PDB file of all heavy atoms in Angstrom:
ATOM      1  N   THR A   1     -15.619 -15.587 -11.671  1.00  0.00           N
ATOM      2  CA  THR A   1     -16.182 -14.268 -11.402  1.00  0.00           C
ATOM      3  C   THR A   1     -15.395 -13.617 -10.218  1.00  0.00           C
ATOM      4  O   THR A   1     -15.188 -12.388 -10.221  1.00  0.00           O
ATOM      5  CB  THR A   1     -17.673 -14.361 -11.070  1.00  0.00           C
ATOM      6  OG1 THR A   1     -17.872 -15.184  -9.968  1.00  0.00           O
ATOM      7  CG2 THR A   1     -18.438 -14.889 -12.264  1.00  0.00           C
ATOM      8  N   GLN A   2     -15.012 -14.448  -9.249  1.00  0.00           N
ATOM      9  CA  GLN A   2     -14.238 -13.906  -8.104  1.00  0.00           C
ATOM     10  C   GLN A   2     -12.881 -13.399  -8.526  1.00  0.00           C
ATOM     11  O   GLN A   2     -12.445 -12.311  -8.110  1.00  0.00           O
ATOM     12  CB  GLN A   2     -14.064 -14.999  -7.040  1.00  0.00           C
ATOM     13  CG  GLN A   2     -15.340 -15.434  -6.352  1.00  0.00           C
ATOM     14  CD  GLN A   2     -15.175 -16.595  -5.454  1.00  0.00           C
ATOM     15  OE1 GLN A   2     -14.224 -17.391  -5.579  1.00  0.00           O
ATOM     16  NE2 GLN A   2     -16.108 -16.794  -4.535  1.00  0.00           N
ATOM     17  N   ILE A   3     -12.216 -14.144  -9.467  1.00  0.00           N
ATOM     18  CA  ILE A   3     -10.897 -13.713  -9.923  1.00  0.00           C
ATOM     19  C   ILE A   3     -10.983 -12.406 -10.722  1.00  0.00           C
ATOM     20  O   ILE A   3     -10.208 -11.487 -10.561  1.00  0.00           O
ATOM     21  CB  ILE A   3     -10.252 -14.816 -10.754  1.00  0.00           C
ATOM     22  CG1 ILE A   3      -9.826 -16.032  -9.898  1.00  0.00           C
ATOM     23  CG2 ILE A   3      -9.010 -14.277 -11.515  1.00  0.00           C
ATOM     24  CD1 ILE A   3      -9.258 -17.187 -10.670  1.00  0.00           C
ATOM     25  N   THR A   4     -12.009 -12.336 -11.590  1.00  0.00           N
ATOM     26  CA  THR A   4     -12.195 -11.113 -12.380  1.00  0.00           C
ATOM     27  C   THR A   4     -12.462  -9.919 -11.486  1.00  0.00           C
ATOM     28  O   THR A   4     -11.861  -8.837 -11.645  1.00  0.00           O
ATOM     29  CB  THR A   4     -13.395 -11.294 -13.382  1.00  0.00           C
ATOM     30  OG1 THR A   4     -13.149 -12.460 -14.159  1.00  0.00           O
ATOM     31  CG2 THR A   4     -13.521 -10.098 -14.270  1.00  0.00           C
ATOM     32  N   ALA A   5     -13.359 -10.065 -10.531  1.00  0.00           N
ATOM     33  CA  ALA A   5     -13.669  -8.968  -9.597  1.00  0.00           C
ATOM     34  C   ALA A   5     -12.437  -8.580  -8.821  1.00  0.00           C
ATOM     35  O   ALA A   5     -12.173  -7.382  -8.573  1.00  0.00           O
ATOM     36  CB  ALA A   5     -14.828  -9.372  -8.664  1.00  0.00           C
ATOM     37  N   LEU A   6     -11.697  -9.585  -8.363  1.00  0.00           N
ATOM     38  CA  LEU A   6     -10.484  -9.342  -7.550  1.00  0.00           C
ATOM     39  C   LEU A   6      -9.437  -8.562  -8.367  1.00  0.00           C
ATOM     40  O   LEU A   6      -8.837  -7.588  -7.897  1.00  0.00           O
ATOM     41  CB  LEU A   6      -9.937 -10.655  -7.081  1.00  0.00           C
ATOM     42  CG  LEU A   6      -8.604 -10.603  -6.265  1.00  0.00           C
ATOM     43  CD1 LEU A   6      -8.818  -9.810  -4.977  1.00  0.00           C
ATOM     44  CD2 LEU A   6      -8.069 -12.000  -6.037  1.00  0.00           C
ATOM     45  N   GLN A   7      -9.249  -8.985  -9.635  1.00  0.00           N
ATOM     46  CA  GLN A   7      -8.271  -8.258 -10.461  1.00  0.00           C
ATOM     47  C   GLN A   7      -8.664  -6.825 -10.705  1.00  0.00           C
ATOM     48  O   GLN A   7      -7.828  -5.920 -10.643  1.00  0.00           O
ATOM     49  CB  GLN A   7      -8.105  -9.014 -11.806  1.00  0.00           C
ATOM     50  CG  GLN A   7      -6.923  -8.604 -12.640  1.00  0.00           C
ATOM     51  CD  GLN A   7      -7.217  -7.356 -13.507  1.00  0.00           C
ATOM     52  OE1 GLN A   7      -8.328  -7.075 -13.783  1.00  0.00           O
ATOM     53  NE2 GLN A   7      -6.151  -6.658 -13.894  1.00  0.00           N
ATOM     54  N   HIS A   8      -9.929  -6.576 -10.966  1.00  0.00           N
ATOM     55  CA  HIS A   8     -10.382  -5.212 -11.169  1.00  0.00           C
ATOM     56  C   HIS A   8     -10.209  -4.379  -9.874  1.00  0.00           C
ATOM     57  O   HIS A   8      -9.891  -3.188  -9.993  1.00  0.00           O
ATOM     58  CB  HIS A   8     -11.848  -5.195 -11.625  1.00  0.00           C
ATOM     59  CG  HIS A   8     -12.011  -5.693 -13.027  1.00  0.00           C
ATOM     60  ND1 HIS A   8     -13.232  -6.141 -13.524  1.00  0.00           N
ATOM     61  CD2 HIS A   8     -11.132  -5.825 -14.053  1.00  0.00           C
ATOM     62  CE1 HIS A   8     -13.088  -6.507 -14.777  1.00  0.00           C
ATOM     63  NE2 HIS A   8     -11.822  -6.347 -15.114  1.00  0.00           N
ATOM     64  N   ARG A   9     -10.412  -5.003  -8.762  1.00  0.00           N
ATOM     65  CA  ARG A   9     -10.238  -4.303  -7.475  1.00  0.00           C
ATOM     66  C   ARG A   9      -8.788  -3.966  -7.213  1.00  0.00           C
ATOM     67  O   ARG A   9      -8.490  -2.853  -6.784  1.00  0.00           O
ATOM     68  CB  ARG A   9     -10.802  -5.172  -6.353  1.00  0.00           C
ATOM     69  CG  ARG A   9     -10.653  -4.554  -4.958  1.00  0.00           C
ATOM     70  CD  ARG A   9     -11.292  -5.464  -3.932  1.00  0.00           C
ATOM     71  NE  ARG A   9     -11.059  -4.947  -2.606  1.00  0.00           N
ATOM     72  CZ  ARG A   9     -11.541  -5.512  -1.504  1.00  0.00           C
ATOM     73  NH1 ARG A   9     -12.236  -6.622  -1.596  1.00  0.00           N
ATOM     74  NH2 ARG A   9     -11.323  -5.028  -0.307  1.00  0.00           N
ATOM     75  N   LEU A  10      -7.883  -4.902  -7.471  1.00  0.00           N
ATOM     76  CA  LEU A  10      -6.483  -4.686  -7.187  1.00  0.00           C
ATOM     77  C   LEU A  10      -5.802  -3.871  -8.279  1.00  0.00           C
ATOM     78  O   LEU A  10      -4.801  -3.187  -7.998  1.00  0.00           O
ATOM     79  CB  LEU A  10      -5.753  -6.014  -7.004  1.00  0.00           C
ATOM     80  CG  LEU A  10      -6.235  -6.934  -5.849  1.00  0.00           C
ATOM     81  CD1 LEU A  10      -5.515  -8.257  -5.945  1.00  0.00           C
ATOM     82  CD2 LEU A  10      -5.985  -6.249  -4.536  1.00  0.00           C
ATOM     83  N   GLY A  11      -6.296  -3.977  -9.505  1.00  0.00           N
ATOM     84  CA  GLY A  11      -5.726  -3.194 -10.608  1.00  0.00           C
ATOM     85  C   GLY A  11      -4.326  -3.627 -11.043  1.00  0.00           C
ATOM     86  O   GLY A  11      -3.569  -2.907 -11.601  1.00  0.00           O
ATOM     87  N   VAL A  12      -3.999  -4.913 -10.744  1.00  0.00           N
ATOM     88  CA  VAL A  12      -2.647  -5.435 -11.106  1.00  0.00           C
ATOM     89  C   VAL A  12      -2.714  -6.024 -12.503  1.00  0.00           C
ATOM     90  O   VAL A  12      -3.633  -6.785 -12.842  1.00  0.00           O
ATOM     91  CB  VAL A  12      -2.209  -6.514 -10.091  1.00  0.00           C
ATOM     92  CG1 VAL A  12      -0.863  -7.080 -10.494  1.00  0.00           C
ATOM     93  CG2 VAL A  12      -2.148  -5.923  -8.686  1.00  0.00           C
ATOM     94  N   THR A  13      -1.728  -5.694 -13.349  1.00  0.00           N
ATOM     95  CA  THR A  13      -1.610  -6.266 -14.650  1.00  0.00           C
ATOM     96  C   THR A  13      -1.605  -7.810 -14.555  1.00  0.00           C
ATOM     97  O   THR A  13      -0.845  -8.349 -13.766  1.00  0.00           O
ATOM     98  CB  THR A  13      -0.301  -5.801 -15.349  1.00  0.00           C
ATOM     99  OG1 THR A  13      -0.241  -4.378 -15.307  1.00  0.00           O
ATOM    100  CG2 THR A  13      -0.215  -6.267 -16.771  1.00  0.00           C
ATOM    101  N   THR A  14      -2.442  -8.447 -15.323  1.00  0.00           N
ATOM    102  CA  THR A  14      -2.614  -9.892 -15.170  1.00  0.00           C
ATOM    103  C   THR A  14      -2.611 -10.571 -16.548  1.00  0.00           C
ATOM    104  O   THR A  14      -3.287 -10.118 -17.461  1.00  0.00           O
ATOM    105  CB  THR A  14      -3.976 -10.222 -14.492  1.00  0.00           C
ATOM    106  OG1 THR A  14      -3.977  -9.621 -13.186  1.00  0.00           O
ATOM    107  CG2 THR A  14      -4.172 -11.734 -14.351  1.00  0.00           C
ATOM    108  N   VAL A  15      -1.814 -11.630 -16.648  1.00  0.00           N
ATOM    109  CA  VAL A  15      -1.784 -12.463 -17.868  1.00  0.00           C
ATOM    110  C   VAL A  15      -2.292 -13.877 -17.426  1.00  0.00           C
ATOM    111  O   VAL A  15      -1.697 -14.484 -16.520  1.00  0.00           O
ATOM    112  CB  VAL A  15      -0.379 -12.555 -18.439  1.00  0.00           C
ATOM    113  CG1 VAL A  15      -0.443 -13.372 -19.780  1.00  0.00           C
ATOM    114  CG2 VAL A  15       0.191 -11.169 -18.700  1.00  0.00           C
ATOM    115  N   TYR A  16      -3.339 -14.271 -18.116  1.00  0.00           N
ATOM    116  CA  TYR A  16      -4.066 -15.507 -17.676  1.00  0.00           C
ATOM    117  C   TYR A  16      -4.112 -16.448 -18.855  1.00  0.00           C
ATOM    118  O   TYR A  16      -4.503 -16.092 -19.976  1.00  0.00           O
ATOM    119  CB  TYR A  16      -5.493 -15.065 -17.269  1.00  0.00           C
ATOM    120  CG  TYR A  16      -6.395 -16.147 -16.710  1.00  0.00           C
ATOM    121  CD1 TYR A  16      -6.644 -16.202 -15.356  1.00  0.00           C
ATOM    122  CD2 TYR A  16      -7.040 -17.057 -17.520  1.00  0.00           C
ATOM    123  CE1 TYR A  16      -7.537 -17.112 -14.807  1.00  0.00           C
ATOM    124  CE2 TYR A  16      -7.896 -18.018 -17.002  1.00  0.00           C
ATOM    125  CZ  TYR A  16      -8.140 -18.064 -15.653  1.00  0.00           C
ATOM    126  OH  TYR A  16      -9.013 -18.987 -15.112  1.00  0.00           O
ATOM    127  N   VAL A  17      -3.748 -17.719 -18.637  1.00  0.00           N
ATOM    128  CA  VAL A  17      -3.754 -18.751 -19.674  1.00  0.00           C
ATOM    129  C   VAL A  17      -4.898 -19.719 -19.484  1.00  0.00           C
ATOM    130  O   VAL A  17      -5.162 -20.169 -18.358  1.00  0.00           O
ATOM    131  CB  VAL A  17      -2.432 -19.492 -19.666  1.00  0.00           C
ATOM    132  CG1 VAL A  17      -2.536 -20.828 -20.426  1.00  0.00           C
ATOM    133  CG2 VAL A  17      -1.329 -18.684 -20.294  1.00  0.00           C
ATOM    134  N   THR A  18      -5.637 -19.989 -20.567  1.00  0.00           N
ATOM    135  CA  THR A  18      -6.651 -20.988 -20.504  1.00  0.00           C
ATOM    136  C   THR A  18      -6.842 -21.601 -21.903  1.00  0.00           C
ATOM    137  O   THR A  18      -6.547 -20.961 -22.903  1.00  0.00           O
ATOM    138  CB  THR A  18      -8.007 -20.420 -20.018  1.00  0.00           C
ATOM    139  OG1 THR A  18      -8.997 -21.471 -19.976  1.00  0.00           O
ATOM    140  CG2 THR A  18      -8.506 -19.316 -20.918  1.00  0.00           C
ATOM    141  N   HIS A  19      -7.363 -22.847 -21.982  1.00  0.00           N
ATOM    142  CA  HIS A  19      -7.756 -23.426 -23.222  1.00  0.00           C
ATOM    143  C   HIS A  19      -9.245 -23.272 -23.505  1.00  0.00           C
ATOM    144  O   HIS A  19      -9.744 -23.584 -24.553  1.00  0.00           O
ATOM    145  CB  HIS A  19      -7.412 -24.930 -23.242  1.00  0.00           C
ATOM    146  CG  HIS A  19      -8.195 -25.736 -22.289  1.00  0.00           C
ATOM    147  ND1 HIS A  19      -7.867 -25.823 -20.955  1.00  0.00           N
ATOM    148  CD2 HIS A  19      -9.350 -26.421 -22.426  1.00  0.00           C
ATOM    149  CE1 HIS A  19      -8.788 -26.582 -20.348  1.00  0.00           C
ATOM    150  NE2 HIS A  19      -9.709 -26.916 -21.207  1.00  0.00           N
ATOM    151  N   ASP A  20      -9.934 -22.756 -22.473  1.00  0.00           N
ATOM    152  CA  ASP A  20     -11.410 -22.632 -22.488  1.00  0.00           C
ATOM    153  C   ASP A  20     -11.815 -21.256 -23.034  1.00  0.00           C
ATOM    154  O   ASP A  20     -11.636 -20.285 -22.357  1.00  0.00           O
ATOM    155  CB  ASP A  20     -11.940 -22.847 -21.081  1.00  0.00           C
ATOM    156  CG  ASP A  20     -13.469 -22.849 -21.014  1.00  0.00           C
ATOM    157  OD1 ASP A  20     -14.112 -22.278 -21.909  1.00  0.00           O
ATOM    158  OD2 ASP A  20     -14.013 -23.445 -20.034  1.00  0.00           O
ATOM    159  N   GLN A  21     -12.338 -21.228 -24.222  1.00  0.00           N
ATOM    160  CA  GLN A  21     -12.643 -19.937 -24.835  1.00  0.00           C
ATOM    161  C   GLN A  21     -13.815 -19.211 -24.151  1.00  0.00           C
ATOM    162  O   GLN A  21     -13.869 -17.995 -24.140  1.00  0.00           O
ATOM    163  CB  GLN A  21     -12.888 -20.069 -26.350  1.00  0.00           C
ATOM    164  CG  GLN A  21     -13.961 -21.021 -26.801  1.00  0.00           C
ATOM    165  CD  GLN A  21     -15.330 -20.374 -26.885  1.00  0.00           C
ATOM    166  OE1 GLN A  21     -15.423 -19.151 -26.959  1.00  0.00           O
ATOM    167  NE2 GLN A  21     -16.345 -21.171 -26.927  1.00  0.00           N
ATOM    168  N   VAL A  22     -14.704 -19.945 -23.540  1.00  0.00           N
ATOM    169  CA  VAL A  22     -15.760 -19.307 -22.761  1.00  0.00           C
ATOM    170  C   VAL A  22     -15.144 -18.576 -21.550  1.00  0.00           C
ATOM    171  O   VAL A  22     -15.512 -17.429 -21.255  1.00  0.00           O
ATOM    172  CB  VAL A  22     -16.839 -20.317 -22.281  1.00  0.00           C
ATOM    173  CG1 VAL A  22     -17.857 -19.647 -21.355  1.00  0.00           C
ATOM    174  CG2 VAL A  22     -17.539 -20.926 -23.488  1.00  0.00           C
ATOM    175  N   GLU A  23     -14.253 -19.224 -20.858  1.00  0.00           N
ATOM    176  CA  GLU A  23     -13.501 -18.614 -19.772  1.00  0.00           C
ATOM    177  C   GLU A  23     -12.764 -17.332 -20.277  1.00  0.00           C
ATOM    178  O   GLU A  23     -12.814 -16.297 -19.553  1.00  0.00           O
ATOM    179  CB  GLU A  23     -12.477 -19.613 -19.216  1.00  0.00           C
ATOM    180  CG  GLU A  23     -12.071 -19.444 -17.798  1.00  0.00           C
ATOM    181  CD  GLU A  23     -11.298 -20.633 -17.281  1.00  0.00           C
ATOM    182  OE1 GLU A  23     -11.919 -21.642 -16.935  1.00  0.00           O
ATOM    183  OE2 GLU A  23     -10.049 -20.581 -17.280  1.00  0.00           O
ATOM    184  N   ALA A  24     -12.139 -17.435 -21.377  1.00  0.00           N
ATOM    185  CA  ALA A  24     -11.412 -16.300 -21.967  1.00  0.00           C
ATOM    186  C   ALA A  24     -12.323 -15.150 -22.230  1.00  0.00           C
ATOM    187  O   ALA A  24     -12.034 -13.964 -21.888  1.00  0.00           O
ATOM    188  CB  ALA A  24     -10.678 -16.717 -23.214  1.00  0.00           C
ATOM    189  N   MET A  25     -13.464 -15.409 -22.868  1.00  0.00           N
ATOM    190  CA  MET A  25     -14.331 -14.347 -23.304  1.00  0.00           C
ATOM    191  C   MET A  25     -15.026 -13.680 -22.114  1.00  0.00           C
ATOM    192  O   MET A  25     -15.335 -12.468 -22.151  1.00  0.00           O
ATOM    193  CB  MET A  25     -15.432 -14.910 -24.196  1.00  0.00           C
ATOM    194  CG  MET A  25     -14.930 -15.469 -25.537  1.00  0.00           C
ATOM    195  SD  MET A  25     -14.456 -14.172 -26.660  1.00  0.00           S
ATOM    196  CE  MET A  25     -16.060 -13.713 -27.302  1.00  0.00           C
ATOM    197  N   THR A  26     -15.250 -14.404 -20.996  1.00  0.00           N
ATOM    198  CA  THR A  26     -15.957 -13.838 -19.847  1.00  0.00           C
ATOM    199  C   THR A  26     -15.034 -13.106 -18.902  1.00  0.00           C
ATOM    200  O   THR A  26     -15.487 -12.304 -18.085  1.00  0.00           O
ATOM    201  CB  THR A  26     -16.728 -14.882 -19.073  1.00  0.00           C
ATOM    202  OG1 THR A  26     -15.829 -15.966 -18.722  1.00  0.00           O
ATOM    203  CG2 THR A  26     -17.867 -15.462 -19.905  1.00  0.00           C
ATOM    204  N   MET A  27     -13.715 -13.352 -18.993  1.00  0.00           N
ATOM    205  CA  MET A  27     -12.783 -12.821 -17.983  1.00  0.00           C
ATOM    206  C   MET A  27     -11.891 -11.682 -18.513  1.00  0.00           C
ATOM    207  O   MET A  27     -11.609 -10.761 -17.778  1.00  0.00           O
ATOM    208  CB  MET A  27     -11.883 -13.939 -17.422  1.00  0.00           C
ATOM    209  CG  MET A  27     -12.617 -15.008 -16.703  1.00  0.00           C
ATOM    210  SD  MET A  27     -11.550 -16.289 -16.018  1.00  0.00           S
ATOM    211  CE  MET A  27     -10.818 -15.451 -14.599  1.00  0.00           C
ATOM    212  N   GLY A  28     -11.466 -11.764 -19.753  1.00  0.00           N
ATOM    213  CA  GLY A  28     -10.447 -10.857 -20.227  1.00  0.00           C
ATOM    214  C   GLY A  28     -10.949  -9.506 -20.649  1.00  0.00           C
ATOM    215  O   GLY A  28     -11.991  -9.377 -21.264  1.00  0.00           O
ATOM    216  N   ASP A  29     -10.116  -8.445 -20.350  1.00  0.00           N
ATOM    217  CA  ASP A  29     -10.335  -7.132 -21.001  1.00  0.00           C
ATOM    218  C   ASP A  29     -10.011  -7.290 -22.492  1.00  0.00           C
ATOM    219  O   ASP A  29     -10.694  -6.714 -23.331  1.00  0.00           O
ATOM    220  CB  ASP A  29      -9.400  -6.090 -20.415  1.00  0.00           C
ATOM    221  CG  ASP A  29      -9.694  -5.864 -18.904  1.00  0.00           C
ATOM    222  OD1 ASP A  29     -10.861  -5.914 -18.507  1.00  0.00           O
ATOM    223  OD2 ASP A  29      -8.752  -5.626 -18.167  1.00  0.00           O
ATOM    224  N   ARG A  30      -8.953  -8.037 -22.760  1.00  0.00           N
ATOM    225  CA  ARG A  30      -8.641  -8.426 -24.136  1.00  0.00           C
ATOM    226  C   ARG A  30      -8.251  -9.899 -24.086  1.00  0.00           C
ATOM    227  O   ARG A  30      -7.815 -10.464 -23.113  1.00  0.00           O
ATOM    228  CB  ARG A  30      -7.465  -7.611 -24.683  1.00  0.00           C
ATOM    229  CG  ARG A  30      -7.829  -6.252 -25.200  1.00  0.00           C
ATOM    230  CD  ARG A  30      -6.670  -5.639 -26.025  1.00  0.00           C
ATOM    231  NE  ARG A  30      -5.444  -5.661 -25.274  1.00  0.00           N
ATOM    232  CZ  ARG A  30      -4.241  -5.806 -25.827  1.00  0.00           C
ATOM    233  NH1 ARG A  30      -4.107  -5.999 -27.106  1.00  0.00           N
ATOM    234  NH2 ARG A  30      -3.128  -5.818 -25.082  1.00  0.00           N
ATOM    235  N   VAL A  31      -8.386 -10.519 -25.309  1.00  0.00           N
ATOM    236  CA  VAL A  31      -8.061 -11.936 -25.468  1.00  0.00           C
ATOM    237  C   VAL A  31      -7.105 -12.079 -26.642  1.00  0.00           C
ATOM    238  O   VAL A  31      -7.348 -11.524 -27.716  1.00  0.00           O
ATOM    239  CB  VAL A  31      -9.316 -12.761 -25.693  1.00  0.00           C
ATOM    240  CG1 VAL A  31      -8.993 -14.229 -25.932  1.00  0.00           C
ATOM    241  CG2 VAL A  31     -10.335 -12.621 -24.589  1.00  0.00           C
ATOM    242  N   ALA A  32      -6.001 -12.809 -26.404  1.00  0.00           N
ATOM    243  CA  ALA A  32      -5.034 -13.071 -27.472  1.00  0.00           C
ATOM    244  C   ALA A  32      -5.165 -14.547 -27.885  1.00  0.00           C
ATOM    245  O   ALA A  32      -5.009 -15.415 -27.031  1.00  0.00           O
ATOM    246  CB  ALA A  32      -3.631 -12.781 -27.013  1.00  0.00           C
ATOM    247  N   VAL A  33      -5.502 -14.795 -29.136  1.00  0.00           N
ATOM    248  CA  VAL A  33      -5.691 -16.149 -29.651  1.00  0.00           C
ATOM    249  C   VAL A  33      -4.405 -16.623 -30.341  1.00  0.00           C
ATOM    250  O   VAL A  33      -3.915 -15.961 -31.271  1.00  0.00           O
ATOM    251  CB  VAL A  33      -6.868 -16.177 -30.635  1.00  0.00           C
ATOM    252  CG1 VAL A  33      -7.127 -17.608 -31.070  1.00  0.00           C
ATOM    253  CG2 VAL A  33      -8.125 -15.622 -29.991  1.00  0.00           C
ATOM    254  N   LEU A  34      -3.884 -17.778 -29.898  1.00  0.00           N
ATOM    255  CA  LEU A  34      -2.667 -18.357 -30.503  1.00  0.00           C
ATOM    256  C   LEU A  34      -2.981 -19.644 -31.212  1.00  0.00           C
ATOM    257  O   LEU A  34      -3.867 -20.399 -30.810  1.00  0.00           O
ATOM    258  CB  LEU A  34      -1.602 -18.567 -29.469  1.00  0.00           C
ATOM    259  CG  LEU A  34      -0.814 -17.371 -28.931  1.00  0.00           C
ATOM    260  CD1 LEU A  34      -1.633 -16.635 -27.849  1.00  0.00           C
ATOM    261  CD2 LEU A  34       0.548 -17.741 -28.388  1.00  0.00           C
ATOM    262  N   LYS A  35      -2.197 -19.879 -32.242  1.00  0.00           N
ATOM    263  CA  LYS A  35      -2.279 -21.193 -32.953  1.00  0.00           C
ATOM    264  C   LYS A  35      -0.872 -21.516 -33.405  1.00  0.00           C
ATOM    265  O   LYS A  35      -0.242 -20.700 -34.092  1.00  0.00           O
ATOM    266  CB  LYS A  35      -3.234 -21.118 -34.123  1.00  0.00           C
ATOM    267  CG  LYS A  35      -3.280 -22.391 -34.938  1.00  0.00           C
ATOM    268  CD  LYS A  35      -3.987 -22.186 -36.261  1.00  0.00           C
ATOM    269  CE  LYS A  35      -4.000 -23.478 -37.083  1.00  0.00           C
ATOM    270  NZ  LYS A  35      -4.398 -23.240 -38.476  1.00  0.00           N
TER     271      LYS A  35
END
């Protein structure tokens, strides 16, 4: 939640990698799913 709030405050383009889909769904403006 701190990272998400910080990114919105700074407004910097951010690319974030995770294997945790709950993390992805709660943090991203958009989510890209790869297989």
